[in-house]
Amino acid sequence: MKPTPHFSRTRKLVTGGFVSLSSLALASPALAHHPFGGSTPTNAIQGFLSGLGHPVIGLDHLAFVVVIGLLAAAMGQGLMMPITFTLAALAGTGLHLMGLNLPLPEMMISASVLLFGIFLALKQQPATPIVVALAAIAGLFHGYAYGEAIVGANMGPLFAYLLGFATIQMVIGIVAYTLAQRLSPQSEGGALNLRFAGFAFAGLGFAFLSGIFFA
């Protein structure tokens, strides 16, 4: 079947974005995940801005938040996955601040992008409870990584940081979900576009993992 102009445009956009992000992931695997140059926020404004920035300047975090919004639309389950992920990320930050360790956080974060990209690429996704549970596990690791930027901060900057990263994650997830909904994910053409995006995100996750193993 000959691709429609709409599908061709979507494919070009996804491919272009994937190539750009993959290049950044491979060329700069140690890209700073910490706003303000790694300094611990000292006031509520810095804490909030740092929270807003962390999920965005960390390409692995950003990719996961986007793909989970797309997957939520593809599975027709509303915003349950982005909300679950965000709450779990808050819990993961709490684990870090309590001094509890999670194994191989950067590897698990990269693997989560790969896994959820694969889920999005599948014609038939796994059962919703399984995917939501995995989103919660991923959230713990992403949140654990977020916690590194706020260790040692006072309560004011700390709560502002948590509010900042929870807010930006939900905004990005909702935007991705809304854009995916506009593709009519239940239609053949819309589902195909989202599956193609899933392959791109899976490749991006593989690029992140490669950056860890071969850094």
N, C-alpha and C. Protein backbone atom coordinates (compact mmCIF):
# COMPACT_ATOMS: atom_id res chain seq x y z
N MET A 1 0.85 -1.18 0.00
CA MET A 1 0.00 0.00 0.00
C MET A 1 0.88 1.24 0.00
N LYS A 2 0.60 2.18 -0.84
CA LYS A 2 1.40 3.39 -0.97
C LYS A 2 1.17 4.29 0.24
N PRO A 3 2.27 4.78 0.90
CA PRO A 3 2.10 5.64 2.07
C PRO A 3 1.38 6.92 1.72
N THR A 4 0.50 7.38 2.60
CA THR A 4 -0.19 8.64 2.40
C THR A 4 0.77 9.79 2.67
N PRO A 5 0.46 11.00 2.12
CA PRO A 5 1.32 12.15 2.41
C PRO A 5 1.45 12.42 3.90
N HIS A 6 0.35 12.22 4.64
CA HIS A 6 0.39 12.45 6.09
C HIS A 6 1.36 11.49 6.76
N PHE A 7 1.30 10.22 6.36
CA PHE A 7 2.21 9.24 6.94
C PHE A 7 3.65 9.56 6.58
N SER A 8 3.88 9.97 5.34
CA SER A 8 5.24 10.30 4.91
C SER A 8 5.81 11.46 5.71
N ARG A 9 4.98 12.49 5.95
CA ARG A 9 5.45 13.63 6.74
C ARG A 9 5.77 13.19 8.17
N THR A 10 4.89 12.37 8.74
CA THR A 10 5.12 11.90 10.10
C THR A 10 6.40 11.08 10.17
N ARG A 11 6.60 10.22 9.17
CA ARG A 11 7.79 9.38 9.16
C ARG A 11 9.05 10.24 9.08
N LYS A 12 9.03 11.28 8.26
CA LYS A 12 10.19 12.15 8.15
C LYS A 12 10.47 12.88 9.46
N LEU A 13 9.40 13.36 10.12
CA LEU A 13 9.58 14.06 11.38
C LEU A 13 10.16 13.14 12.45
N VAL A 14 9.60 11.94 12.54
CA VAL A 14 10.08 10.99 13.55
C VAL A 14 11.52 10.59 13.26
N THR A 15 11.82 10.31 11.99
CA THR A 15 13.17 9.91 11.63
C THR A 15 14.17 11.02 11.92
N GLY A 16 13.80 12.25 11.55
CA GLY A 16 14.69 13.37 11.80
C GLY A 16 14.95 13.58 13.28
N GLY A 17 13.89 13.49 14.08
CA GLY A 17 14.05 13.64 15.51
C GLY A 17 14.88 12.52 16.11
N PHE A 18 14.66 11.31 15.62
CA PHE A 18 15.42 10.17 16.12
C PHE A 18 16.90 10.30 15.82
N VAL A 19 17.22 10.68 14.59
CA VAL A 19 18.62 10.84 14.19
C VAL A 19 19.30 11.91 15.03
N SER A 20 18.60 13.03 15.24
CA SER A 20 19.18 14.13 16.01
C SER A 20 19.44 13.71 17.46
N LEU A 21 18.43 13.09 18.08
CA LEU A 21 18.59 12.68 19.47
C LEU A 21 19.61 11.56 19.62
N SER A 22 19.66 10.65 18.66
CA SER A 22 20.64 9.57 18.71
C SER A 22 22.05 10.12 18.62
N SER A 23 22.24 11.11 17.76
CA SER A 23 23.56 11.72 17.62
C SER A 23 23.99 12.35 18.93
N LEU A 24 23.05 13.06 19.59
CA LEU A 24 23.37 13.66 20.88
C LEU A 24 23.66 12.59 21.93
N ALA A 25 22.89 11.52 21.89
CA ALA A 25 23.07 10.47 22.90
C ALA A 25 24.42 9.80 22.77
N LEU A 26 24.86 9.56 21.53
CA LEU A 26 26.12 8.88 21.31
C LEU A 26 27.30 9.82 21.44
N ALA A 27 27.13 11.05 21.01
CA ALA A 27 28.24 11.99 21.05
C ALA A 27 28.47 12.53 22.45
N SER A 28 27.41 12.56 23.27
CA SER A 28 27.53 13.14 24.60
C SER A 28 26.79 12.31 25.63
N PRO A 29 27.26 11.05 25.87
CA PRO A 29 26.57 10.19 26.81
C PRO A 29 26.59 10.69 28.24
N ALA A 30 27.56 11.56 28.53
CA ALA A 30 27.67 12.07 29.89
C ALA A 30 27.05 13.45 30.02
N LEU A 31 26.10 13.78 29.14
CA LEU A 31 25.44 15.08 29.16
C LEU A 31 24.93 15.36 30.57
N ALA A 32 25.21 16.56 31.05
CA ALA A 32 24.85 16.91 32.43
C ALA A 32 23.35 16.79 32.63
N HIS A 33 22.97 16.11 33.74
CA HIS A 33 21.56 15.99 34.09
C HIS A 33 21.20 17.01 35.17
N HIS A 34 22.13 17.88 35.51
CA HIS A 34 21.91 18.76 36.64
C HIS A 34 21.83 20.21 36.21
N PRO A 35 20.68 20.86 36.37
CA PRO A 35 20.59 22.29 36.13
C PRO A 35 21.51 23.05 37.09
N PHE A 36 21.81 24.28 36.79
CA PHE A 36 22.68 25.14 37.62
C PHE A 36 24.07 24.54 37.78
N GLY A 37 24.52 23.81 36.75
CA GLY A 37 25.89 23.30 36.76
C GLY A 37 26.17 22.29 37.84
N GLY A 38 25.15 21.64 38.37
CA GLY A 38 25.35 20.63 39.39
C GLY A 38 25.27 21.17 40.80
N SER A 39 25.11 22.49 40.96
CA SER A 39 25.01 23.07 42.30
C SER A 39 23.65 22.74 42.92
N THR A 40 23.65 22.47 44.21
CA THR A 40 22.40 22.18 44.91
C THR A 40 21.57 23.46 45.04
N PRO A 41 20.29 23.43 44.67
CA PRO A 41 19.44 24.63 44.81
C PRO A 41 19.43 25.14 46.24
N THR A 42 19.46 26.46 46.39
CA THR A 42 19.50 27.06 47.72
C THR A 42 18.21 27.78 48.09
N ASN A 43 17.29 27.91 47.15
CA ASN A 43 16.00 28.54 47.46
C ASN A 43 14.91 27.88 46.63
N ALA A 44 13.66 28.27 46.90
CA ALA A 44 12.53 27.61 46.25
C ALA A 44 12.51 27.85 44.75
N ILE A 45 12.89 29.04 44.31
CA ILE A 45 12.89 29.33 42.88
C ILE A 45 13.90 28.45 42.16
N GLN A 46 15.11 28.38 42.71
CA GLN A 46 16.11 27.50 42.11
C GLN A 46 15.65 26.05 42.13
N GLY A 47 15.03 25.65 43.22
CA GLY A 47 14.55 24.28 43.32
C GLY A 47 13.50 23.97 42.26
N PHE A 48 12.56 24.88 42.09
CA PHE A 48 11.50 24.66 41.10
C PHE A 48 12.06 24.64 39.68
N LEU A 49 12.95 25.60 39.36
CA LEU A 49 13.54 25.64 38.02
C LEU A 49 14.41 24.42 37.76
N SER A 50 15.12 23.98 38.79
CA SER A 50 15.94 22.78 38.65
C SER A 50 15.06 21.56 38.39
N GLY A 51 13.93 21.49 39.10
CA GLY A 51 12.99 20.39 38.87
C GLY A 51 12.40 20.42 37.47
N LEU A 52 12.09 21.62 36.98
CA LEU A 52 11.58 21.74 35.61
C LEU A 52 12.63 21.31 34.59
N GLY A 53 13.89 21.63 34.87
CA GLY A 53 14.93 21.39 33.88
C GLY A 53 15.43 19.96 33.81
N HIS A 54 15.46 19.28 34.96
CA HIS A 54 16.09 17.96 34.99
C HIS A 54 15.50 16.97 33.99
N PRO A 55 14.18 16.80 33.92
CA PRO A 55 13.63 15.83 32.96
C PRO A 55 13.76 16.27 31.51
N VAL A 56 14.15 17.52 31.28
CA VAL A 56 14.26 18.02 29.90
C VAL A 56 15.68 17.94 29.39
N ILE A 57 16.66 18.34 30.22
CA ILE A 57 18.05 18.32 29.76
C ILE A 57 18.62 16.91 29.79
N GLY A 58 17.99 16.01 30.53
CA GLY A 58 18.38 14.61 30.46
C GLY A 58 17.62 13.94 29.33
N LEU A 59 18.28 13.69 28.20
CA LEU A 59 17.57 13.18 27.02
C LEU A 59 16.91 11.84 27.28
N ASP A 60 17.53 11.00 28.12
CA ASP A 60 16.93 9.71 28.41
C ASP A 60 15.61 9.89 29.18
N HIS A 61 15.61 10.82 30.14
CA HIS A 61 14.37 11.10 30.87
C HIS A 61 13.30 11.67 29.94
N LEU A 62 13.70 12.63 29.12
CA LEU A 62 12.75 13.27 28.21
C LEU A 62 12.14 12.26 27.25
N ALA A 63 12.99 11.40 26.68
CA ALA A 63 12.50 10.39 25.73
C ALA A 63 11.48 9.48 26.40
N PHE A 64 11.74 9.09 27.65
CA PHE A 64 10.80 8.17 28.30
C PHE A 64 9.47 8.85 28.58
N VAL A 65 9.51 10.09 29.05
CA VAL A 65 8.26 10.79 29.34
C VAL A 65 7.42 10.94 28.07
N VAL A 66 8.07 11.21 26.94
CA VAL A 66 7.35 11.33 25.68
C VAL A 66 6.76 9.99 25.26
N VAL A 67 7.58 8.94 25.30
CA VAL A 67 7.11 7.64 24.80
C VAL A 67 6.00 7.08 25.68
N ILE A 68 6.02 7.38 26.97
CA ILE A 68 4.96 6.86 27.83
C ILE A 68 3.64 7.58 27.55
N GLY A 69 3.71 8.86 27.17
CA GLY A 69 2.50 9.57 26.77
C GLY A 69 1.93 9.02 25.47
N LEU A 70 2.82 8.73 24.52
CA LEU A 70 2.38 8.14 23.25
C LEU A 70 1.77 6.76 23.47
N LEU A 71 2.42 5.97 24.33
CA LEU A 71 1.93 4.61 24.59
C LEU A 71 0.58 4.64 25.29
N ALA A 72 0.39 5.59 26.20
CA ALA A 72 -0.90 5.71 26.88
C ALA A 72 -2.02 5.96 25.87
N ALA A 73 -1.75 6.78 24.87
CA ALA A 73 -2.75 7.04 23.83
C ALA A 73 -2.98 5.80 22.98
N ALA A 74 -1.90 5.11 22.63
CA ALA A 74 -2.01 3.93 21.78
C ALA A 74 -2.82 2.83 22.46
N MET A 75 -2.69 2.72 23.78
CA MET A 75 -3.40 1.67 24.51
C MET A 75 -4.79 2.10 24.94
N GLY A 76 -5.11 3.38 24.76
CA GLY A 76 -6.45 3.86 25.09
C GLY A 76 -6.78 3.79 26.57
N GLN A 77 -5.77 4.02 27.42
CA GLN A 77 -5.99 3.92 28.86
C GLN A 77 -5.92 5.27 29.56
N GLY A 78 -6.10 6.35 28.85
CA GLY A 78 -6.05 7.67 29.46
C GLY A 78 -4.67 7.99 29.98
N LEU A 79 -4.62 8.78 31.04
CA LEU A 79 -3.35 9.27 31.58
C LEU A 79 -2.87 8.44 32.78
N MET A 80 -3.39 7.24 32.93
CA MET A 80 -3.01 6.41 34.07
C MET A 80 -1.51 6.14 34.11
N MET A 81 -0.91 5.85 32.95
CA MET A 81 0.52 5.55 32.92
C MET A 81 1.39 6.75 33.27
N PRO A 82 1.17 7.92 32.64
CA PRO A 82 1.98 9.08 33.03
C PRO A 82 1.82 9.45 34.50
N ILE A 83 0.61 9.33 35.04
CA ILE A 83 0.39 9.65 36.45
C ILE A 83 1.12 8.65 37.34
N THR A 84 1.01 7.37 37.02
CA THR A 84 1.69 6.33 37.79
C THR A 84 3.19 6.55 37.76
N PHE A 85 3.72 6.84 36.57
CA PHE A 85 5.16 7.07 36.43
C PHE A 85 5.60 8.26 37.28
N THR A 86 4.85 9.34 37.24
CA THR A 86 5.22 10.55 37.98
C THR A 86 5.21 10.30 39.49
N LEU A 87 4.19 9.61 39.98
CA LEU A 87 4.12 9.30 41.41
C LEU A 87 5.27 8.38 41.82
N ALA A 88 5.59 7.41 40.98
CA ALA A 88 6.70 6.51 41.28
C ALA A 88 8.03 7.25 41.25
N ALA A 89 8.16 8.23 40.36
CA ALA A 89 9.38 9.03 40.30
C ALA A 89 9.57 9.82 41.59
N LEU A 90 8.49 10.35 42.13
CA LEU A 90 8.56 11.04 43.42
C LEU A 90 9.04 10.08 44.51
N ALA A 91 8.52 8.85 44.48
CA ALA A 91 8.94 7.85 45.45
C ALA A 91 10.41 7.50 45.26
N GLY A 92 10.85 7.40 44.00
CA GLY A 92 12.25 7.10 43.72
C GLY A 92 13.19 8.16 44.24
N THR A 93 12.79 9.42 44.11
CA THR A 93 13.59 10.51 44.67
C THR A 93 13.67 10.38 46.19
N GLY A 94 12.54 10.00 46.79
CA GLY A 94 12.52 9.79 48.23
C GLY A 94 13.49 8.70 48.66
N LEU A 95 13.56 7.62 47.88
CA LEU A 95 14.51 6.54 48.19
C LEU A 95 15.94 7.06 48.19
N HIS A 96 16.26 7.87 47.19
CA HIS A 96 17.62 8.42 47.10
C HIS A 96 17.92 9.31 48.30
N LEU A 97 16.97 10.15 48.66
CA LEU A 97 17.19 11.07 49.78
C LEU A 97 17.29 10.34 51.11
N MET A 98 16.69 9.15 51.20
CA MET A 98 16.80 8.35 52.42
C MET A 98 18.08 7.53 52.46
N GLY A 99 18.87 7.62 51.39
CA GLY A 99 20.14 6.91 51.35
C GLY A 99 20.03 5.47 50.89
N LEU A 100 18.88 5.08 50.35
CA LEU A 100 18.71 3.73 49.82
C LEU A 100 19.20 3.68 48.38
N ASN A 101 19.84 2.60 48.02
CA ASN A 101 20.45 2.49 46.69
C ASN A 101 19.62 1.60 45.77
N LEU A 102 19.49 2.03 44.53
CA LEU A 102 18.92 1.19 43.47
C LEU A 102 20.05 0.81 42.53
N PRO A 103 20.10 -0.43 42.08
CA PRO A 103 21.22 -0.88 41.25
C PRO A 103 21.16 -0.35 39.82
N LEU A 104 22.30 0.05 39.30
CA LEU A 104 22.47 0.41 37.89
C LEU A 104 21.39 1.37 37.39
N PRO A 105 21.21 2.51 38.03
CA PRO A 105 20.10 3.39 37.63
C PRO A 105 20.18 3.89 36.20
N GLU A 106 21.36 4.31 35.74
CA GLU A 106 21.46 4.85 34.38
C GLU A 106 21.16 3.77 33.34
N MET A 107 21.62 2.55 33.61
CA MET A 107 21.35 1.46 32.68
C MET A 107 19.86 1.13 32.66
N MET A 108 19.23 1.13 33.81
CA MET A 108 17.80 0.83 33.88
C MET A 108 16.98 1.92 33.21
N ILE A 109 17.41 3.17 33.34
CA ILE A 109 16.70 4.27 32.69
C ILE A 109 16.77 4.12 31.17
N SER A 110 17.96 3.84 30.66
CA SER A 110 18.12 3.65 29.21
C SER A 110 17.32 2.45 28.73
N ALA A 111 17.36 1.37 29.52
CA ALA A 111 16.61 0.17 29.15
C ALA A 111 15.11 0.44 29.13
N SER A 112 14.64 1.34 30.00
CA SER A 112 13.20 1.64 30.02
C SER A 112 12.77 2.33 28.73
N VAL A 113 13.63 3.19 28.17
CA VAL A 113 13.31 3.83 26.90
C VAL A 113 13.22 2.77 25.80
N LEU A 114 14.18 1.84 25.80
CA LEU A 114 14.18 0.76 24.81
C LEU A 114 12.92 -0.10 24.94
N LEU A 115 12.60 -0.51 26.17
CA LEU A 115 11.47 -1.41 26.39
C LEU A 115 10.14 -0.76 26.01
N PHE A 116 9.93 0.47 26.43
CA PHE A 116 8.65 1.11 26.13
C PHE A 116 8.56 1.53 24.67
N GLY A 117 9.71 1.76 24.03
CA GLY A 117 9.70 1.95 22.58
C GLY A 117 9.23 0.69 21.87
N ILE A 118 9.71 -0.46 22.36
CA ILE A 118 9.28 -1.74 21.79
C ILE A 118 7.78 -1.94 22.01
N PHE A 119 7.30 -1.63 23.22
CA PHE A 119 5.86 -1.75 23.49
C PHE A 119 5.05 -0.92 22.50
N LEU A 120 5.50 0.32 22.25
CA LEU A 120 4.78 1.20 21.34
C LEU A 120 4.82 0.66 19.91
N ALA A 121 5.91 -0.02 19.56
CA ALA A 121 6.06 -0.53 18.19
C ALA A 121 5.24 -1.79 17.94
N LEU A 122 4.84 -2.47 19.01
CA LEU A 122 4.09 -3.71 18.85
C LEU A 122 2.69 -3.44 18.32
N LYS A 123 2.22 -4.37 17.50
CA LYS A 123 0.84 -4.26 17.00
C LYS A 123 -0.15 -4.49 18.13
N GLN A 124 0.20 -5.38 19.06
CA GLN A 124 -0.65 -5.67 20.21
C GLN A 124 0.21 -5.52 21.47
N GLN A 125 -0.08 -4.52 22.28
CA GLN A 125 0.71 -4.28 23.48
C GLN A 125 0.38 -5.29 24.57
N PRO A 126 1.29 -5.47 25.54
CA PRO A 126 1.00 -6.34 26.69
C PRO A 126 -0.20 -5.82 27.48
N ALA A 127 -0.67 -6.63 28.40
CA ALA A 127 -1.82 -6.24 29.23
C ALA A 127 -1.52 -4.95 29.99
N THR A 128 -2.54 -4.13 30.15
CA THR A 128 -2.37 -2.83 30.80
C THR A 128 -1.75 -2.92 32.19
N PRO A 129 -2.19 -3.84 33.08
CA PRO A 129 -1.57 -3.90 34.41
C PRO A 129 -0.07 -4.15 34.36
N ILE A 130 0.37 -4.95 33.39
CA ILE A 130 1.81 -5.23 33.26
C ILE A 130 2.56 -3.97 32.87
N VAL A 131 2.04 -3.26 31.88
CA VAL A 131 2.71 -2.05 31.41
C VAL A 131 2.72 -0.98 32.49
N VAL A 132 1.61 -0.82 33.21
CA VAL A 132 1.54 0.18 34.28
C VAL A 132 2.53 -0.17 35.39
N ALA A 133 2.62 -1.46 35.73
CA ALA A 133 3.57 -1.88 36.77
C ALA A 133 5.00 -1.59 36.34
N LEU A 134 5.31 -1.85 35.08
CA LEU A 134 6.66 -1.57 34.57
C LEU A 134 6.92 -0.06 34.54
N ALA A 135 5.88 0.72 34.25
CA ALA A 135 6.03 2.18 34.28
C ALA A 135 6.35 2.65 35.69
N ALA A 136 5.74 2.02 36.68
CA ALA A 136 6.02 2.37 38.07
C ALA A 136 7.47 2.02 38.44
N ILE A 137 7.92 0.85 38.00
CA ILE A 137 9.31 0.46 38.27
C ILE A 137 10.27 1.43 37.60
N ALA A 138 9.97 1.77 36.34
CA ALA A 138 10.81 2.75 35.63
C ALA A 138 10.81 4.08 36.37
N GLY A 139 9.65 4.48 36.89
CA GLY A 139 9.56 5.73 37.62
C GLY A 139 10.47 5.77 38.83
N LEU A 140 10.59 4.65 39.53
CA LEU A 140 11.49 4.59 40.69
C LEU A 140 12.92 4.91 40.28
N PHE A 141 13.37 4.35 39.16
CA PHE A 141 14.75 4.57 38.72
C PHE A 141 14.95 5.98 38.19
N HIS A 142 13.99 6.49 37.43
CA HIS A 142 14.11 7.86 36.94
C HIS A 142 14.11 8.83 38.12
N GLY A 143 13.21 8.62 39.08
CA GLY A 143 13.16 9.48 40.25
C GLY A 143 14.40 9.39 41.10
N TYR A 144 14.96 8.19 41.19
CA TYR A 144 16.20 8.01 41.94
C TYR A 144 17.31 8.87 41.34
N ALA A 145 17.37 8.89 40.01
CA ALA A 145 18.37 9.73 39.34
C ALA A 145 18.09 11.21 39.57
N TYR A 146 16.81 11.60 39.56
CA TYR A 146 16.46 12.99 39.84
C TYR A 146 16.95 13.41 41.22
N GLY A 147 16.92 12.49 42.16
CA GLY A 147 17.28 12.81 43.54
C GLY A 147 18.70 13.28 43.71
N GLU A 148 19.59 12.89 42.81
CA GLU A 148 21.00 13.26 42.92
C GLU A 148 21.17 14.78 42.92
N ALA A 149 20.31 15.48 42.19
CA ALA A 149 20.46 16.94 42.04
C ALA A 149 20.00 17.71 43.26
N ILE A 150 19.34 17.05 44.19
CA ILE A 150 18.74 17.78 45.31
C ILE A 150 19.26 17.30 46.66
N VAL A 151 20.21 16.37 46.65
CA VAL A 151 20.78 15.86 47.90
C VAL A 151 21.43 17.02 48.67
N GLY A 152 21.09 17.13 49.92
CA GLY A 152 21.67 18.17 50.77
C GLY A 152 20.90 19.47 50.80
N ALA A 153 19.82 19.58 50.02
CA ALA A 153 19.05 20.82 49.98
C ALA A 153 18.14 20.94 51.20
N ASN A 154 17.78 22.16 51.53
CA ASN A 154 16.82 22.40 52.60
C ASN A 154 15.41 22.03 52.13
N MET A 155 14.46 22.03 53.05
CA MET A 155 13.12 21.56 52.73
C MET A 155 12.43 22.43 51.68
N GLY A 156 12.62 23.75 51.73
CA GLY A 156 11.97 24.63 50.76
C GLY A 156 12.37 24.31 49.33
N PRO A 157 13.68 24.35 49.01
CA PRO A 157 14.12 23.99 47.66
C PRO A 157 13.75 22.55 47.29
N LEU A 158 13.78 21.65 48.28
CA LEU A 158 13.47 20.24 48.01
C LEU A 158 12.03 20.07 47.53
N PHE A 159 11.08 20.64 48.25
CA PHE A 159 9.68 20.50 47.84
C PHE A 159 9.41 21.22 46.53
N ALA A 160 10.08 22.35 46.31
CA ALA A 160 9.92 23.07 45.04
C ALA A 160 10.47 22.24 43.89
N TYR A 161 11.58 21.54 44.13
CA TYR A 161 12.17 20.67 43.11
C TYR A 161 11.22 19.54 42.75
N LEU A 162 10.66 18.91 43.77
CA LEU A 162 9.71 17.82 43.52
C LEU A 162 8.50 18.32 42.73
N LEU A 163 8.00 19.49 43.10
CA LEU A 163 6.88 20.07 42.38
C LEU A 163 7.26 20.37 40.93
N GLY A 164 8.47 20.88 40.74
CA GLY A 164 8.92 21.22 39.39
C GLY A 164 9.01 20.02 38.48
N PHE A 165 9.67 18.95 38.94
CA PHE A 165 9.83 17.82 38.01
C PHE A 165 8.54 17.03 37.84
N ALA A 166 7.68 17.01 38.88
CA ALA A 166 6.38 16.36 38.70
C ALA A 166 5.53 17.13 37.70
N THR A 167 5.58 18.45 37.78
CA THR A 167 4.80 19.29 36.86
C THR A 167 5.24 19.12 35.42
N ILE A 168 6.54 19.22 35.18
CA ILE A 168 7.03 19.17 33.80
C ILE A 168 6.81 17.79 33.19
N GLN A 169 6.94 16.73 34.01
CA GLN A 169 6.69 15.39 33.48
C GLN A 169 5.24 15.23 33.06
N MET A 170 4.32 15.72 33.88
CA MET A 170 2.91 15.60 33.53
C MET A 170 2.58 16.44 32.30
N VAL A 171 3.16 17.64 32.21
CA VAL A 171 2.90 18.49 31.05
C VAL A 171 3.39 17.82 29.77
N ILE A 172 4.62 17.30 29.79
CA ILE A 172 5.17 16.64 28.61
C ILE A 172 4.36 15.40 28.26
N GLY A 173 4.01 14.61 29.29
CA GLY A 173 3.22 13.41 29.05
C GLY A 173 1.86 13.73 28.46
N ILE A 174 1.21 14.77 28.96
CA ILE A 174 -0.11 15.16 28.45
C ILE A 174 0.00 15.67 27.02
N VAL A 175 1.04 16.46 26.73
CA VAL A 175 1.23 16.96 25.37
C VAL A 175 1.45 15.80 24.40
N ALA A 176 2.31 14.84 24.79
CA ALA A 176 2.56 13.68 23.93
C ALA A 176 1.28 12.87 23.74
N TYR A 177 0.53 12.68 24.81
CA TYR A 177 -0.73 11.95 24.75
C TYR A 177 -1.72 12.65 23.82
N THR A 178 -1.82 13.97 23.95
CA THR A 178 -2.76 14.73 23.13
C THR A 178 -2.39 14.68 21.66
N LEU A 179 -1.10 14.84 21.37
CA LEU A 179 -0.65 14.77 19.97
C LEU A 179 -0.92 13.39 19.39
N ALA A 180 -0.68 12.34 20.19
CA ALA A 180 -0.95 10.99 19.71
C ALA A 180 -2.44 10.78 19.47
N GLN A 181 -3.27 11.34 20.33
CA GLN A 181 -4.71 11.23 20.15
C GLN A 181 -5.15 11.89 18.84
N ARG A 182 -4.50 12.96 18.46
CA ARG A 182 -4.85 13.64 17.22
C ARG A 182 -4.50 12.80 15.99
N LEU A 183 -3.62 11.81 16.18
CA LEU A 183 -3.29 10.90 15.08
C LEU A 183 -4.34 9.81 14.92
N SER A 184 -5.36 9.82 15.79
CA SER A 184 -6.40 8.78 15.78
C SER A 184 -5.77 7.40 15.91
N PRO A 185 -5.21 7.09 17.12
CA PRO A 185 -4.46 5.85 17.30
C PRO A 185 -5.25 4.57 17.06
N GLN A 186 -6.59 4.66 17.10
CA GLN A 186 -7.38 3.46 16.87
C GLN A 186 -7.58 3.18 15.38
N SER A 187 -7.24 4.16 14.53
CA SER A 187 -7.33 3.94 13.09
C SER A 187 -6.06 3.25 12.60
N GLU A 188 -6.14 2.64 11.43
CA GLU A 188 -4.98 1.91 10.90
C GLU A 188 -3.80 2.84 10.65
N GLY A 189 -4.07 3.99 10.03
CA GLY A 189 -2.99 4.92 9.74
C GLY A 189 -2.38 5.52 10.98
N GLY A 190 -3.22 5.91 11.96
CA GLY A 190 -2.70 6.48 13.19
C GLY A 190 -1.89 5.48 13.98
N ALA A 191 -2.38 4.24 14.06
CA ALA A 191 -1.65 3.20 14.78
C ALA A 191 -0.30 2.93 14.13
N LEU A 192 -0.26 2.97 12.80
CA LEU A 192 1.00 2.73 12.09
C LEU A 192 2.00 3.84 12.39
N ASN A 193 1.54 5.08 12.43
CA ASN A 193 2.42 6.19 12.77
C ASN A 193 3.02 6.01 14.16
N LEU A 194 2.19 5.62 15.13
CA LEU A 194 2.68 5.43 16.49
C LEU A 194 3.63 4.25 16.58
N ARG A 195 3.36 3.20 15.83
CA ARG A 195 4.28 2.06 15.82
C ARG A 195 5.63 2.46 15.25
N PHE A 196 5.61 3.28 14.21
CA PHE A 196 6.86 3.74 13.63
C PHE A 196 7.63 4.58 14.66
N ALA A 197 6.91 5.43 15.40
CA ALA A 197 7.55 6.21 16.46
C ALA A 197 8.14 5.28 17.52
N GLY A 198 7.44 4.17 17.80
CA GLY A 198 7.95 3.21 18.77
C GLY A 198 9.28 2.62 18.34
N PHE A 199 9.41 2.27 17.07
CA PHE A 199 10.69 1.76 16.58
C PHE A 199 11.79 2.81 16.77
N ALA A 200 11.44 4.08 16.52
CA ALA A 200 12.42 5.16 16.68
C ALA A 200 12.87 5.28 18.14
N PHE A 201 11.92 5.22 19.07
CA PHE A 201 12.27 5.33 20.48
C PHE A 201 13.05 4.10 20.96
N ALA A 202 12.71 2.93 20.44
CA ALA A 202 13.48 1.74 20.78
C ALA A 202 14.92 1.89 20.32
N GLY A 203 15.10 2.42 19.12
CA GLY A 203 16.45 2.67 18.63
C GLY A 203 17.18 3.69 19.48
N LEU A 204 16.45 4.70 19.94
CA LEU A 204 17.04 5.71 20.79
C LEU A 204 17.47 5.10 22.13
N GLY A 205 16.63 4.23 22.69
CA GLY A 205 17.01 3.55 23.92
C GLY A 205 18.24 2.70 23.74
N PHE A 206 18.34 2.04 22.59
CA PHE A 206 19.54 1.25 22.29
C PHE A 206 20.76 2.15 22.21
N ALA A 207 20.59 3.35 21.64
CA ALA A 207 21.69 4.30 21.55
C ALA A 207 22.14 4.74 22.95
N PHE A 208 21.18 4.97 23.84
CA PHE A 208 21.53 5.34 25.21
C PHE A 208 22.33 4.22 25.88
N LEU A 209 21.87 2.98 25.71
CA LEU A 209 22.58 1.84 26.31
C LEU A 209 23.98 1.71 25.73
N SER A 210 24.11 1.92 24.43
CA SER A 210 25.42 1.86 23.79
C SER A 210 26.35 2.91 24.38
N GLY A 211 25.80 4.10 24.64
CA GLY A 211 26.60 5.16 25.23
C GLY A 211 27.13 4.78 26.61
N ILE A 212 26.35 3.97 27.35
CA ILE A 212 26.79 3.54 28.68
C ILE A 212 27.86 2.46 28.57
N PHE A 213 27.63 1.48 27.70
CA PHE A 213 28.55 0.36 27.60
C PHE A 213 29.87 0.72 26.93
N PHE A 214 29.82 1.67 26.00
CA PHE A 214 31.02 1.98 25.22
C PHE A 214 31.57 3.37 25.50
N ALA A 215 31.15 3.97 26.62
CA ALA A 215 31.65 5.31 26.97
C ALA A 215 33.14 5.24 27.31
